[in-house]
PDB file of N, CA and C in Angstrom:
ATOM      1  N   MET A   1       0.868  -1.303  -0.187  1.00  0.00           N
ATOM      2  CA  MET A   1      -0.036   0.227   0.329  1.00  0.00           C
ATOM      3  C   MET A   1       0.903   1.265   0.190  1.00  0.00           C
ATOM      4  N   GLN A   2       0.671   2.250  -0.825  1.00  0.00           N
ATOM      5  CA  GLN A   2       1.584   3.409  -0.853  1.00  0.00           C
ATOM      6  C   GLN A   2       0.902   4.384  -0.110  1.00  0.00           C
ATOM      7  N   PRO A   3       1.784   5.386   0.492  1.00  0.00           N
ATOM      8  CA  PRO A   3       1.120   6.580   1.425  1.00  0.00           C
ATOM      9  C   PRO A   3       0.605   7.353   0.396  1.00  0.00           C
ATOM     10  N   THR A   4      -0.187   8.012   0.758  1.00  0.00           N
ATOM     11  CA  THR A   4      -0.956   8.931   0.188  1.00  0.00           C
ATOM     12  C   THR A   4      -0.194  10.468   0.105  1.00  0.00           C
ATOM     13  N   ARG A   5       0.062  10.962  -0.985  1.00  0.00           N
ATOM     14  CA  ARG A   5       0.539  12.212  -1.020  1.00  0.00           C
ATOM     15  C   ARG A   5      -0.278  13.374  -0.580  1.00  0.00           C
ATOM     16  N   ARG A   6       0.402  13.990   0.178  1.00  0.00           N
ATOM     17  CA  ARG A   6      -0.156  15.291   0.854  1.00  0.00           C
ATOM     18  C   ARG A   6      -0.337  16.722  -0.237  1.00  0.00           C
ATOM     19  N   SER A   7      -1.250  17.227   0.134  1.00  0.00           N
ATOM     20  CA  SER A   7      -1.522  18.522  -0.939  1.00  0.00           C
ATOM     21  C   SER A   7      -1.876  19.567   0.027  1.00  0.00           C
ATOM     22  N   TYR A   8      -1.140  20.833  -0.399  1.00  0.00           N
ATOM     23  CA  TYR A   8      -1.335  21.911   0.423  1.00  0.00           C
ATOM     24  C   TYR A   8      -1.947  23.057  -0.716  1.00  0.00           C
ATOM     25  N   SER A   9      -2.827  23.891   0.028  1.00  0.00           N
ATOM     26  CA  SER A   9      -3.742  24.839  -0.475  1.00  0.00           C
ATOM     27  C   SER A   9      -2.729  26.078  -0.856  1.00  0.00           C
ATOM     28  N   LYS A  10      -3.212  26.682  -2.210  1.00  0.00           N
ATOM     29  CA  LYS A  10      -2.405  27.852  -2.603  1.00  0.00           C
ATOM     30  C   LYS A  10      -2.279  28.864  -1.755  1.00  0.00           C
ATOM     31  N   SER A  11      -3.015  29.214  -0.491  1.00  0.00           N
ATOM     32  CA  SER A  11      -2.978  29.979   0.653  1.00  0.00           C
ATOM     33  C   SER A  11      -1.687  29.359   1.520  1.00  0.00           C
ATOM     34  N   PHE A  12      -1.760  28.458   1.706  1.00  0.00           N
ATOM     35  CA  PHE A  12      -0.873  27.937   2.596  1.00  0.00           C
ATOM     36  C   PHE A  12       0.823  28.100   1.910  1.00  0.00           C
ATOM     37  N   LYS A  13       0.634  28.097   0.612  1.00  0.00           N
ATOM     38  CA  LYS A  13       1.991  27.703  -0.297  1.00  0.00           C
ATOM     39  C   LYS A  13       2.502  29.298  -0.148  1.00  0.00           C
ATOM     40  N   ALA A  14       1.578  30.244  -0.516  1.00  0.00           N
ATOM     41  CA  ALA A  14       1.779  31.399  -0.264  1.00  0.00           C
ATOM     42  C   ALA A  14       2.097  32.225   0.994  1.00  0.00           C
ATOM     43  N   GLN A  15       1.704  31.536   2.023  1.00  0.00           N
ATOM     44  CA  GLN A  15       2.062  31.953   3.435  1.00  0.00           C
ATOM     45  C   GLN A  15       3.749  31.579   3.395  1.00  0.00           C
ATOM     46  N   ILE A  16       3.882  30.329   3.250  1.00  0.00           N
ATOM     47  CA  ILE A  16       5.387  29.787   3.471  1.00  0.00           C
ATOM     48  C   ILE A  16       6.438  30.468   2.564  1.00  0.00           C
ATOM     49  N   ILE A  17       6.058  30.685   1.070  1.00  0.00           N
ATOM     50  CA  ILE A  17       6.839  31.472   0.414  1.00  0.00           C
ATOM     51  C   ILE A  17       7.144  32.810   1.194  1.00  0.00           C
ATOM     52  N   GLN A  18       6.303  33.424   1.515  1.00  0.00           N
ATOM     53  CA  GLN A  18       5.993  35.035   2.144  1.00  0.00           C
ATOM     54  C   GLN A  18       6.905  34.862   3.420  1.00  0.00           C
ATOM     55  N   ALA A  19       7.047  33.749   4.159  1.00  0.00           N
ATOM     56  CA  ALA A  19       7.808  33.722   5.254  1.00  0.00           C
ATOM     57  C   ALA A  19       9.409  33.537   4.852  1.00  0.00           C
ATOM     58  N   CYS A  20       9.499  32.744   3.851  1.00  0.00           N
ATOM     59  CA  CYS A  20      10.942  32.676   3.259  1.00  0.00           C
ATOM     60  C   CYS A  20      11.570  33.819   3.003  1.00  0.00           C
ATOM     61  N   ALA A  21      10.626  34.779   2.472  1.00  0.00           N
ATOM     62  CA  ALA A  21      11.032  36.002   1.873  1.00  0.00           C
ATOM     63  C   ALA A  21      11.532  36.992   2.796  1.00  0.00           C
ATOM     64  N   GLN A  22      11.434  36.826   4.042  1.00  0.00           N
ATOM     65  CA  GLN A  22      11.278  37.780   5.002  1.00  0.00           C
ATOM     66  C   GLN A  22      12.997  37.749   5.353  1.00  0.00           C
ATOM     67  N   THR A  23      13.255  38.977   5.642  1.00  0.00           N
ATOM     68  CA  THR A  23      14.781  39.440   6.070  1.00  0.00           C
ATOM     69  C   THR A  23      14.947  38.349   7.281  1.00  0.00           C
ATOM     70  N   GLY A  24      16.267  37.422   6.775  1.00  0.00           N
ATOM     71  CA  GLY A  24      16.925  36.792   8.041  1.00  0.00           C
ATOM     72  C   GLY A  24      16.453  35.096   7.916  1.00  0.00           C
ATOM     73  N   ALA A  25      15.173  35.000   7.310  1.00  0.00           N
ATOM     74  CA  ALA A  25      14.632  33.732   7.297  1.00  0.00           C
ATOM     75  C   ALA A  25      15.351  32.863   6.208  1.00  0.00           C
ATOM     76  N   SER A  26      15.498  31.760   6.597  1.00  0.00           N
ATOM     77  CA  SER A  26      16.288  30.691   5.666  1.00  0.00           C
ATOM     78  C   SER A  26      15.177  29.520   5.318  1.00  0.00           C
ATOM     79  N   ILE A  27      15.109  29.135   4.319  1.00  0.00           N
ATOM     80  CA  ILE A  27      14.425  28.579   3.597  1.00  0.00           C
ATOM     81  C   ILE A  27      14.036  26.645   4.252  1.00  0.00           C
ATOM     82  N   ALA A  28      15.081  26.518   4.912  1.00  0.00           N
ATOM     83  CA  ALA A  28      15.542  25.343   5.629  1.00  0.00           C
ATOM     84  C   ALA A  28      14.764  25.348   6.952  1.00  0.00           C
ATOM     85  N   SER A  29      14.928  26.507   7.741  1.00  0.00           N
ATOM     86  CA  SER A  29      14.328  27.055   8.962  1.00  0.00           C
ATOM     87  C   SER A  29      12.685  26.854   9.158  1.00  0.00           C
ATOM     88  N   VAL A  30      12.376  27.623   7.748  1.00  0.00           N
ATOM     89  CA  VAL A  30      10.816  27.915   7.630  1.00  0.00           C
ATOM     90  C   VAL A  30      10.098  26.637   7.212  1.00  0.00           C
ATOM     91  N   ALA A  31      10.695  25.827   6.409  1.00  0.00           N
ATOM     92  CA  ALA A  31      10.118  24.346   6.006  1.00  0.00           C
ATOM     93  C   ALA A  31      10.376  23.347   7.300  1.00  0.00           C
ATOM     94  N   LEU A  32      11.250  23.480   8.159  1.00  0.00           N
ATOM     95  CA  LEU A  32      11.585  22.751   9.113  1.00  0.00           C
ATOM     96  C   LEU A  32      10.449  23.057   9.958  1.00  0.00           C
ATOM     97  N   SER A  33      10.315  24.528  10.445  1.00  0.00           N
ATOM     98  CA  SER A  33       9.240  24.921  11.418  1.00  0.00           C
ATOM     99  C   SER A  33       7.809  24.519  10.979  1.00  0.00           C
ATOM    100  N   HIS A  34       7.409  24.030   9.776  1.00  0.00           N
ATOM    101  CA  HIS A  34       6.134  23.632   9.252  1.00  0.00           C
ATOM    102  C   HIS A  34       5.983  22.114   9.081  1.00  0.00           C
ATOM    103  N   SER A  35       7.122  21.286   9.478  1.00  0.00           N
ATOM    104  CA  SER A  35       7.453  20.116   8.976  1.00  0.00           C
ATOM    105  C   SER A  35       7.179  19.948   7.371  1.00  0.00           C
ATOM    106  N   LEU A  36       7.922  20.361   6.814  1.00  0.00           N
ATOM    107  CA  LEU A  36       7.857  20.521   5.436  1.00  0.00           C
ATOM    108  C   LEU A  36       9.575  20.096   4.814  1.00  0.00           C
ATOM    109  N   ASN A  37       9.598  19.369   3.925  1.00  0.00           N
ATOM    110  CA  ASN A  37      10.852  19.394   3.197  1.00  0.00           C
ATOM    111  C   ASN A  37      11.190  20.620   2.494  1.00  0.00           C
ATOM    112  N   ALA A  38      12.656  21.104   3.040  1.00  0.00           N
ATOM    113  CA  ALA A  38      13.129  22.072   2.179  1.00  0.00           C
ATOM    114  C   ALA A  38      13.126  22.015   0.602  1.00  0.00           C
ATOM    115  N   ASN A  39      13.498  20.816   0.004  1.00  0.00           N
ATOM    116  CA  ASN A  39      13.373  20.870  -1.350  1.00  0.00           C
ATOM    117  C   ASN A  39      12.060  21.127  -1.836  1.00  0.00           C
ATOM    118  N   LEU A  40      10.800  20.870  -1.088  1.00  0.00           N
ATOM    119  CA  LEU A  40       9.627  21.080  -1.509  1.00  0.00           C
ATOM    120  C   LEU A  40       9.283  22.331  -1.707  1.00  0.00           C
ATOM    121  N   VAL A  41       9.799  23.385  -0.646  1.00  0.00           N
ATOM    122  CA  VAL A  41       9.424  24.771  -0.564  1.00  0.00           C
ATOM    123  C   VAL A  41      10.439  25.455  -1.701  1.00  0.00           C
ATOM    124  N   HIS A  42      11.799  25.117  -1.783  1.00  0.00           N
ATOM    125  CA  HIS A  42      12.321  25.255  -3.049  1.00  0.00           C
ATOM    126  C   HIS A  42      11.395  25.238  -4.208  1.00  0.00           C
ATOM    127  N   LYS A  43      10.893  23.944  -4.414  1.00  0.00           N
ATOM    128  CA  LYS A  43      10.140  23.994  -5.767  1.00  0.00           C
ATOM    129  C   LYS A  43       8.962  24.927  -5.728  1.00  0.00           C
ATOM    130  N   TRP A  44       8.193  25.093  -4.516  1.00  0.00           N
ATOM    131  CA  TRP A  44       7.249  26.183  -4.774  1.00  0.00           C
ATOM    132  C   TRP A  44       7.667  27.462  -5.094  1.00  0.00           C
ATOM    133  N   ILE A  45       8.806  27.752  -4.533  1.00  0.00           N
ATOM    134  CA  ILE A  45       9.327  29.139  -4.893  1.00  0.00           C
ATOM    135  C   ILE A  45       9.793  29.225  -6.224  1.00  0.00           C
ATOM    136  N   ARG A  46      10.407  27.983  -6.895  1.00  0.00           N
ATOM    137  CA  ARG A  46      10.633  28.359  -8.265  1.00  0.00           C
ATOM    138  C   ARG A  46       9.513  28.380  -9.129  1.00  0.00           C
ATOM    139  N   LEU A  47       8.472  27.445  -8.837  1.00  0.00           N
ATOM    140  CA  LEU A  47       7.010  27.671  -9.775  1.00  0.00           C
ATOM    141  C   LEU A  47       6.190  28.945  -9.485  1.00  0.00           C
ATOM    142  N   GLN A  48       6.489  29.626  -8.165  1.00  0.00           N
ATOM    143  CA  GLN A  48       5.863  31.011  -8.361  1.00  0.00           C
ATOM    144  C   GLN A  48       6.479  31.885  -8.720  1.00  0.00           C
ATOM    145  N   ALA A  49       7.700  31.661  -8.985  1.00  0.00           N
ATOM    146  CA  ALA A  49       8.787  32.553  -9.685  1.00  0.00           C
ATOM    147  C   ALA A  49       8.376  32.568 -11.363  1.00  0.00           C
ATOM    148  N   GLN A  50       8.196  31.387 -11.518  1.00  0.00           N
ATOM    149  CA  GLN A  50       7.992  30.993 -13.045  1.00  0.00           C
ATOM    150  C   GLN A  50       6.605  31.526 -13.688  1.00  0.00           C
ATOM    151  N   LYS A  51       5.481  31.608 -12.790  1.00  0.00           N
ATOM    152  CA  LYS A  51       4.100  32.139 -12.819  1.00  0.00           C
ATOM    153  C   LYS A  51       4.360  33.394 -12.949  1.00  0.00           C
ATOM    154  N   SER A  52       5.300  34.109 -12.155  1.00  0.00           N
ATOM    155  CA  SER A  52       5.335  35.669 -12.007  1.00  0.00           C
ATOM    156  C   SER A  52       5.932  36.522 -13.327  1.00  0.00           C
ATOM    157  N   THR A  53       6.670  35.717 -13.651  1.00  0.00           N
ATOM    158  CA  THR A  53       7.479  36.307 -15.071  1.00  0.00           C
ATOM    159  C   THR A  53       6.866  35.752 -16.367  1.00  0.00           C
ATOM    160  N   ALA A  54       6.085  34.928 -16.359  1.00  0.00           N
ATOM    161  CA  ALA A  54       5.035  34.298 -17.316  1.00  0.00           C
ATOM    162  C   ALA A  54       4.083  35.185 -17.400  1.00  0.00           C
ATOM    163  N   LEU A  55       3.683  36.248 -16.126  1.00  0.00           N
ATOM    164  CA  LEU A  55       2.252  36.979 -16.625  1.00  0.00           C
ATOM    165  C   LEU A  55       2.999  38.419 -16.772  1.00  0.00           C
ATOM    166  N   GLN A  56       4.248  38.636 -16.700  1.00  0.00           N
ATOM    167  CA  GLN A  56       4.719  40.048 -16.946  1.00  0.00           C
ATOM    168  C   GLN A  56       4.684  40.394 -18.024  1.00  0.00           C
ATOM    169  N   PRO A  57       4.015  40.974 -18.733  1.00  0.00           N
ATOM    170  CA  PRO A  57       3.971  41.755 -20.145  1.00  0.00           C
ATOM    171  C   PRO A  57       5.538  42.542 -20.610  1.00  0.00           C
ATOM    172  N   THR A  58       5.837  42.265 -21.857  1.00  0.00           N
ATOM    173  CA  THR A  58       7.329  42.493 -22.292  1.00  0.00           C
ATOM    174  C   THR A  58       7.170  43.359 -23.244  1.00  0.00           C
ATOM    175  N   PHE A  59       8.072  44.363 -23.391  1.00  0.00           N
ATOM    176  CA  PHE A  59       8.070  45.355 -24.537  1.00  0.00           C
ATOM    177  C   PHE A  59       9.163  44.507 -25.499  1.00  0.00           C
ATOM    178  N   ILE A  60       8.840  44.504 -26.534  1.00  0.00           N
ATOM    179  CA  ILE A  60       9.393  43.868 -27.899  1.00  0.00           C
ATOM    180  C   ILE A  60       9.465  45.068 -28.872  1.00  0.00           C
ATOM    181  N   GLN A  61      10.919  45.511 -29.174  1.00  0.00           N
ATOM    182  CA  GLN A  61      10.738  46.606 -30.320  1.00  0.00           C
ATOM    183  C   GLN A  61      11.165  45.763 -31.349  1.00  0.00           C
ATOM    184  N   LEU A  62      10.299  46.337 -32.507  1.00  0.00           N
ATOM    185  CA  LEU A  62      10.132  45.596 -33.750  1.00  0.00           C
ATOM    186  C   LEU A  62      10.994  46.804 -34.785  1.00  0.00           C
ATOM    187  N   PRO A  63      11.610  46.513 -35.576  1.00  0.00           N
ATOM    188  CA  PRO A  63      11.936  47.622 -36.530  1.00  0.00           C
ATOM    189  C   PRO A  63      10.657  47.728 -37.720  1.00  0.00           C
ATOM    190  N   VAL A  64      10.544  49.145 -37.974  1.00  0.00           N
ATOM    191  CA  VAL A  64       9.250  49.502 -38.640  1.00  0.00           C
ATOM    192  C   VAL A  64       9.889  50.212 -40.219  1.00  0.00           C
ATOM    193  N   PRO A  65       9.649  49.593 -41.246  1.00  0.00           N
ATOM    194  CA  PRO A  65      10.071  50.098 -42.612  1.00  0.00           C
ATOM    195  C   PRO A  65       9.526  51.619 -42.755  1.00  0.00           C
ATOM    196  N   LEU A  66      10.358  52.184 -42.970  1.00  0.00           N
ATOM    197  CA  LEU A  66       9.848  53.507 -43.632  1.00  0.00           C
ATOM    198  C   LEU A  66       9.242  53.452 -44.852  1.00  0.00           C
ATOM    199  N   ALA A  67       8.055  54.489 -45.056  1.00  0.00           N
ATOM    200  CA  ALA A  67       7.629  54.747 -46.235  1.00  0.00           C
ATOM    201  C   ALA A  67       8.092  55.701 -47.254  1.00  0.00           C
ATOM    202  N   ARG A  68       8.372  55.137 -48.616  1.00  0.00           N
ATOM    203  CA  ARG A  68       8.958  56.135 -49.148  1.00  0.00           C
ATOM    204  C   ARG A  68       7.926  57.435 -49.629  1.00  0.00           C
ATOM    205  N   ALA A  69       8.567  58.652 -49.581  1.00  0.00           N
ATOM    206  CA  ALA A  69       7.491  59.957 -49.946  1.00  0.00           C
ATOM    207  C   ALA A  69       6.912  59.874 -51.139  1.00  0.00           C
ATOM    208  N   ASN A  70       7.795  59.455 -52.337  1.00  0.00           N
ATOM    209  CA  ASN A  70       7.212  59.108 -53.525  1.00  0.00           C
ATOM    210  C   ASN A  70       7.458  57.726 -54.204  1.00  0.00           C
ATOM    211  N   PRO A  71       6.132  57.062 -53.694  1.00  0.00           N
ATOM    212  CA  PRO A  71       6.420  55.425 -54.237  1.00  0.00           C
ATOM    213  C   PRO A  71       6.041  55.306 -55.584  1.00  0.00           C
ATOM    214  N   THR A  72       7.308  54.380 -56.117  1.00  0.00           N
ATOM    215  CA  THR A  72       7.264  54.289 -57.620  1.00  0.00           C
ATOM    216  C   THR A  72       6.576  52.940 -57.832  1.00  0.00           C
ATOM    217  N   TYR A  73       5.472  52.731 -58.549  1.00  0.00           N
ATOM    218  CA  TYR A  73       4.831  51.654 -59.037  1.00  0.00           C
ATOM    219  C   TYR A  73       5.055  51.122 -60.258  1.00  0.00           C
ATOM    220  N   HIS A  74       5.363  49.752 -60.558  1.00  0.00           N
ATOM    221  CA  HIS A  74       5.702  49.201 -61.444  1.00  0.00           C
ATOM    222  C   HIS A  74       4.706  48.637 -62.367  1.00  0.00           C
TER     223      HIS A  74
END
């Protein structure tokens, strides 16, 4: 019989990620204080960072060809 995998709410994950972002807090200590594996918390932080960068709009500069003042038609 396989052990069941624990699942955590989005709000709980956000709370843990925010606790890790506090000055002087280490991911290992936050994970340990909540009985979590530090690698799991690292994964949550990494996934949150990917979501944040994926949703950020990015300016892409494209070259625009200039129109001629007197176009010549053939």
